[in-house]
Amino acid sequence: MKKANTVIISGLTAGTLDAVAAILLFAKPVNLHNISRIFRFIASGAFGKAAYATGPLLPITGLILHYIIATLWSGIYLFILYPVFKSGVIWVKIILFASLIWVIMNGFVMPLSGLTSRYDGWAIMRSFTVILICVSLPICLITVKRH
């Protein structure tokens, strides 16, 4: 039960921080329409162009998918990576976990979902930094603190 709580707490924390970062970085100006577009983009990975139809259901679905993905990464860390790399420097684990997330999400998940992003050097650094600070850091620190 403690492991399930850890996965949920760290997944919700990482999902919230990552969503806030996406809103601050990509919803210019910050308003409900632009925030909705961010979560429609996530939903479009599952529903295609239909995610851009009007109505509040698909942005909410995108937000739910966002939290599910963050919680899945939390579970992967706790159940697979944490036992293997239990000893070691926490900062190295945070950076390696962020690298794994970035490669899997940008190299496999997004292309398989039909999503594309244009990346130049700064965009790669920005997206990696968001994953490092908003996803990997809280998942690793919460897991270490609770186990």
C-alpha atoms as a PDB file:
ATOM      1  CA  MET A   1       0.000   0.000   0.000  1.00  0.00           C
ATOM      2  CA  LYS A   2       2.877   2.369   0.748  1.00  0.00           C
ATOM      3  CA  LYS A   3       4.289   1.837  -2.743  1.00  0.00           C
ATOM      4  CA  ALA A   4       0.938   2.571  -4.381  1.00  0.00           C
ATOM      5  CA  ASN A   5       0.618   5.777  -2.351  1.00  0.00           C
ATOM      6  CA  THR A   6       4.142   6.775  -3.361  1.00  0.00           C
ATOM      7  CA  VAL A   7       3.345   6.220  -7.041  1.00  0.00           C
ATOM      8  CA  ILE A   8       0.140   8.255  -6.795  1.00  0.00           C
ATOM      9  CA  ILE A   9       1.681  11.118  -4.797  1.00  0.00           C
ATOM     10  CA  SER A  10       4.773  11.422  -6.966  1.00  0.00           C
ATOM     11  CA  GLY A  11       2.758  10.976 -10.186  1.00  0.00           C
ATOM     12  CA  LEU A  12       0.270  13.687  -9.238  1.00  0.00           C
ATOM     13  CA  THR A  13       3.056  16.011  -8.107  1.00  0.00           C
ATOM     14  CA  ALA A  14       5.067  15.499 -11.301  1.00  0.00           C
ATOM     15  CA  GLY A  15       1.943  15.793 -13.466  1.00  0.00           C
ATOM     16  CA  THR A  16       0.943  19.056 -11.809  1.00  0.00           C
ATOM     17  CA  LEU A  17       4.409  20.598 -12.050  1.00  0.00           C
ATOM     18  CA  ASP A  18       4.763  19.526 -15.683  1.00  0.00           C
ATOM     19  CA  ALA A  19       1.309  20.883 -16.567  1.00  0.00           C
ATOM     20  CA  VAL A  20       2.081  24.223 -14.916  1.00  0.00           C
ATOM     21  CA  ALA A  21       5.399  24.409 -16.782  1.00  0.00           C
ATOM     22  CA  ALA A  22       3.646  23.664 -20.094  1.00  0.00           C
ATOM     23  CA  ILE A  23       1.067  26.363 -19.403  1.00  0.00           C
ATOM     24  CA  LEU A  24       3.723  28.938 -18.497  1.00  0.00           C
ATOM     25  CA  LEU A  25       5.913  28.080 -21.491  1.00  0.00           C
ATOM     26  CA  PHE A  26       3.353  27.490 -24.227  1.00  0.00           C
ATOM     27  CA  ALA A  27       0.069  29.246 -23.363  1.00  0.00           C
ATOM     28  CA  LYS A  28       0.901  32.740 -24.550  1.00  0.00           C
ATOM     29  CA  PRO A  29      -1.022  34.701 -23.416  1.00  0.00           C
ATOM     30  CA  VAL A  30      -2.181  32.557 -20.529  1.00  0.00           C
ATOM     31  CA  ASN A  31      -5.911  32.158 -20.994  1.00  0.00           C
ATOM     32  CA  LEU A  32      -8.393  29.308 -21.041  1.00  0.00           C
ATOM     33  CA  HIS A  33      -8.301  28.949 -24.838  1.00  0.00           C
ATOM     34  CA  ASN A  34      -4.503  28.583 -24.983  1.00  0.00           C
ATOM     35  CA  ILE A  35      -4.409  26.251 -21.976  1.00  0.00           C
ATOM     36  CA  SER A  36      -7.088  24.146 -23.670  1.00  0.00           C
ATOM     37  CA  ARG A  37      -4.885  23.863 -26.794  1.00  0.00           C
ATOM     38  CA  ILE A  38      -2.044  22.353 -24.734  1.00  0.00           C
ATOM     39  CA  PHE A  39      -4.246  19.551 -23.429  1.00  0.00           C
ATOM     40  CA  ARG A  40      -5.938  19.065 -26.805  1.00  0.00           C
ATOM     41  CA  PHE A  41      -2.440  18.439 -28.206  1.00  0.00           C
ATOM     42  CA  ILE A  42      -1.950  15.675 -25.624  1.00  0.00           C
ATOM     43  CA  ALA A  43      -5.383  14.214 -26.391  1.00  0.00           C
ATOM     44  CA  SER A  44      -4.581  14.293 -30.106  1.00  0.00           C
ATOM     45  CA  GLY A  45      -1.999  11.574 -29.488  1.00  0.00           C
ATOM     46  CA  ALA A  46      -4.890   9.226 -28.748  1.00  0.00           C
ATOM     47  CA  PHE A  47      -7.760  10.769 -30.741  1.00  0.00           C
ATOM     48  CA  GLY A  48      -6.022  12.405 -33.698  1.00  0.00           C
ATOM     49  CA  LYS A  49      -7.468  15.554 -35.241  1.00  0.00           C
ATOM     50  CA  ALA A  50     -10.781  14.946 -33.475  1.00  0.00           C
ATOM     51  CA  ALA A  51      -9.125  16.271 -30.299  1.00  0.00           C
ATOM     52  CA  TYR A  52      -9.300  19.769 -31.778  1.00  0.00           C
ATOM     53  CA  ALA A  53     -13.100  19.715 -32.009  1.00  0.00           C
ATOM     54  CA  THR A  54     -14.995  22.156 -29.845  1.00  0.00           C
ATOM     55  CA  GLY A  55     -16.156  21.379 -26.352  1.00  0.00           C
ATOM     56  CA  PRO A  56     -14.499  20.802 -22.991  1.00  0.00           C
ATOM     57  CA  LEU A  57     -14.347  16.980 -23.049  1.00  0.00           C
ATOM     58  CA  LEU A  58     -11.125  16.516 -25.020  1.00  0.00           C
ATOM     59  CA  PRO A  59      -8.968  19.048 -23.120  1.00  0.00           C
ATOM     60  CA  ILE A  60     -10.086  17.355 -19.906  1.00  0.00           C
ATOM     61  CA  THR A  61      -9.233  13.983 -21.462  1.00  0.00           C
ATOM     62  CA  GLY A  62      -5.803  15.362 -22.408  1.00  0.00           C
ATOM     63  CA  LEU A  63      -5.251  16.504 -18.833  1.00  0.00           C
ATOM     64  CA  ILE A  64      -6.241  13.067 -17.519  1.00  0.00           C
ATOM     65  CA  LEU A  65      -3.872  11.408 -20.026  1.00  0.00           C
ATOM     66  CA  HIS A  66      -1.141  13.782 -18.877  1.00  0.00           C
ATOM     67  CA  TYR A  67      -1.587  12.635 -15.260  1.00  0.00           C
ATOM     68  CA  ILE A  68      -1.753   8.974 -16.297  1.00  0.00           C
ATOM     69  CA  ILE A  69       1.556   9.300 -18.148  1.00  0.00           C
ATOM     70  CA  ALA A  70       3.218  11.011 -15.162  1.00  0.00           C
ATOM     71  CA  THR A  71       1.895   8.316 -12.828  1.00  0.00           C
ATOM     72  CA  LEU A  72       3.142   5.575 -15.168  1.00  0.00           C
ATOM     73  CA  TRP A  73       6.633   7.108 -15.079  1.00  0.00           C
ATOM     74  CA  SER A  74       6.397   7.217 -11.307  1.00  0.00           C
ATOM     75  CA  GLY A  75       5.528   3.515 -11.230  1.00  0.00           C
ATOM     76  CA  ILE A  76       8.349   2.663 -13.632  1.00  0.00           C
ATOM     77  CA  TYR A  77      10.803   4.465 -11.397  1.00  0.00           C
ATOM     78  CA  LEU A  78       9.585   2.940  -8.132  1.00  0.00           C
ATOM     79  CA  PHE A  79       9.086  -0.647  -9.268  1.00  0.00           C
ATOM     80  CA  ILE A  80      11.860  -1.055 -11.855  1.00  0.00           C
ATOM     81  CA  LEU A  81      14.573   1.581 -11.616  1.00  0.00           C
ATOM     82  CA  TYR A  82      14.653   2.335  -7.874  1.00  0.00           C
ATOM     83  CA  PRO A  83      15.408  -1.256  -6.787  1.00  0.00           C
ATOM     84  CA  VAL A  84      18.125  -1.608  -9.439  1.00  0.00           C
ATOM     85  CA  PHE A  85      19.827   1.704  -8.651  1.00  0.00           C
ATOM     86  CA  LYS A  86      18.987   2.014  -4.949  1.00  0.00           C
ATOM     87  CA  SER A  87      22.508   3.054  -4.017  1.00  0.00           C
ATOM     88  CA  GLY A  88      24.192   5.931  -5.744  1.00  0.00           C
ATOM     89  CA  VAL A  89      24.134   9.679  -5.974  1.00  0.00           C
ATOM     90  CA  ILE A  90      20.579  11.027  -6.210  1.00  0.00           C
ATOM     91  CA  TRP A  91      21.476  13.749  -8.725  1.00  0.00           C
ATOM     92  CA  VAL A  92      22.907  11.183 -11.127  1.00  0.00           C
ATOM     93  CA  LYS A  93      19.700   9.141 -10.850  1.00  0.00           C
ATOM     94  CA  ILE A  94      17.562  12.242 -11.453  1.00  0.00           C
ATOM     95  CA  ILE A  95      19.519  13.189 -14.584  1.00  0.00           C
ATOM     96  CA  LEU A  96      19.558   9.628 -15.960  1.00  0.00           C
ATOM     97  CA  PHE A  97      15.825   9.180 -15.295  1.00  0.00           C
ATOM     98  CA  ALA A  98      15.054  12.496 -17.006  1.00  0.00           C
ATOM     99  CA  SER A  99      17.161  11.388 -19.978  1.00  0.00           C
ATOM    100  CA  LEU A 100      15.257   8.103 -20.195  1.00  0.00           C
ATOM    101  CA  ILE A 101      11.899   9.907 -20.056  1.00  0.00           C
ATOM    102  CA  TRP A 102      12.950  12.415 -22.716  1.00  0.00           C
ATOM    103  CA  VAL A 103      14.246   9.752 -25.115  1.00  0.00           C
ATOM    104  CA  ILE A 104      11.221   7.465 -24.719  1.00  0.00           C
ATOM    105  CA  MET A 105       8.641  10.251 -24.970  1.00  0.00           C
ATOM    106  CA  ASN A 106      10.271  12.160 -27.849  1.00  0.00           C
ATOM    107  CA  GLY A 107      11.807   9.208 -29.663  1.00  0.00           C
ATOM    108  CA  PHE A 108       8.996   6.671 -29.426  1.00  0.00           C
ATOM    109  CA  VAL A 109       5.718   7.785 -27.800  1.00  0.00           C
ATOM    110  CA  MET A 110       5.205  11.035 -29.689  1.00  0.00           C
ATOM    111  CA  PRO A 111       6.124   9.639 -33.135  1.00  0.00           C
ATOM    112  CA  LEU A 112       3.985   6.519 -32.581  1.00  0.00           C
ATOM    113  CA  SER A 113       1.088   8.772 -31.550  1.00  0.00           C
ATOM    114  CA  GLY A 114       1.488  10.821 -34.711  1.00  0.00           C
ATOM    115  CA  LEU A 115       2.660  13.874 -32.774  1.00  0.00           C
ATOM    116  CA  THR A 116       5.587  15.898 -33.993  1.00  0.00           C
ATOM    117  CA  SER A 117       7.551  18.718 -32.471  1.00  0.00           C
ATOM    118  CA  ARG A 118      10.098  20.955 -34.102  1.00  0.00           C
ATOM    119  CA  TYR A 119      13.280  20.836 -32.111  1.00  0.00           C
ATOM    120  CA  ASP A 120      16.262  23.095 -32.310  1.00  0.00           C
ATOM    121  CA  GLY A 121      18.982  23.175 -29.664  1.00  0.00           C
ATOM    122  CA  TRP A 122      17.111  25.525 -27.333  1.00  0.00           C
ATOM    123  CA  ALA A 123      13.836  23.622 -27.621  1.00  0.00           C
ATOM    124  CA  ILE A 124      15.586  20.370 -26.723  1.00  0.00           C
ATOM    125  CA  MET A 125      17.269  22.003 -23.730  1.00  0.00           C
ATOM    126  CA  ARG A 126      13.999  23.584 -22.608  1.00  0.00           C
ATOM    127  CA  SER A 127      12.014  20.346 -22.880  1.00  0.00           C
ATOM    128  CA  PHE A 128      14.738  18.353 -21.139  1.00  0.00           C
ATOM    129  CA  THR A 129      14.982  20.939 -18.341  1.00  0.00           C
ATOM    130  CA  VAL A 130      11.219  20.796 -17.778  1.00  0.00           C
ATOM    131  CA  ILE A 131      11.323  16.992 -17.567  1.00  0.00           C
ATOM    132  CA  LEU A 132      14.361  17.142 -15.280  1.00  0.00           C
ATOM    133  CA  ILE A 133      12.902  19.672 -12.817  1.00  0.00           C
ATOM    134  CA  CYS A 134       9.171  19.000 -13.030  1.00  0.00           C
ATOM    135  CA  VAL A 135       9.026  15.225 -13.543  1.00  0.00           C
ATOM    136  CA  SER A 136      12.235  13.407 -12.678  1.00  0.00           C
ATOM    137  CA  LEU A 137      13.207  15.486  -9.637  1.00  0.00           C
ATOM    138  CA  PRO A 138       9.909  15.132  -7.723  1.00  0.00           C
ATOM    139  CA  ILE A 139       9.486  11.456  -8.601  1.00  0.00           C
ATOM    140  CA  CYS A 140      13.015  10.583  -7.471  1.00  0.00           C
ATOM    141  CA  LEU A 141      12.953  12.718  -4.317  1.00  0.00           C
ATOM    142  CA  ILE A 142       9.512  11.568  -3.192  1.00  0.00           C
ATOM    143  CA  THR A 143      10.453   7.937  -3.777  1.00  0.00           C
ATOM    144  CA  VAL A 144      13.722   8.256  -1.846  1.00  0.00           C
ATOM    145  CA  LYS A 145      11.991  10.045   1.038  1.00  0.00           C
ATOM    146  CA  ARG A 146       9.212   7.487   1.338  1.00  0.00           C
ATOM    147  CA  HIS A 147      11.316   4.320   0.887  1.00  0.00           C
END
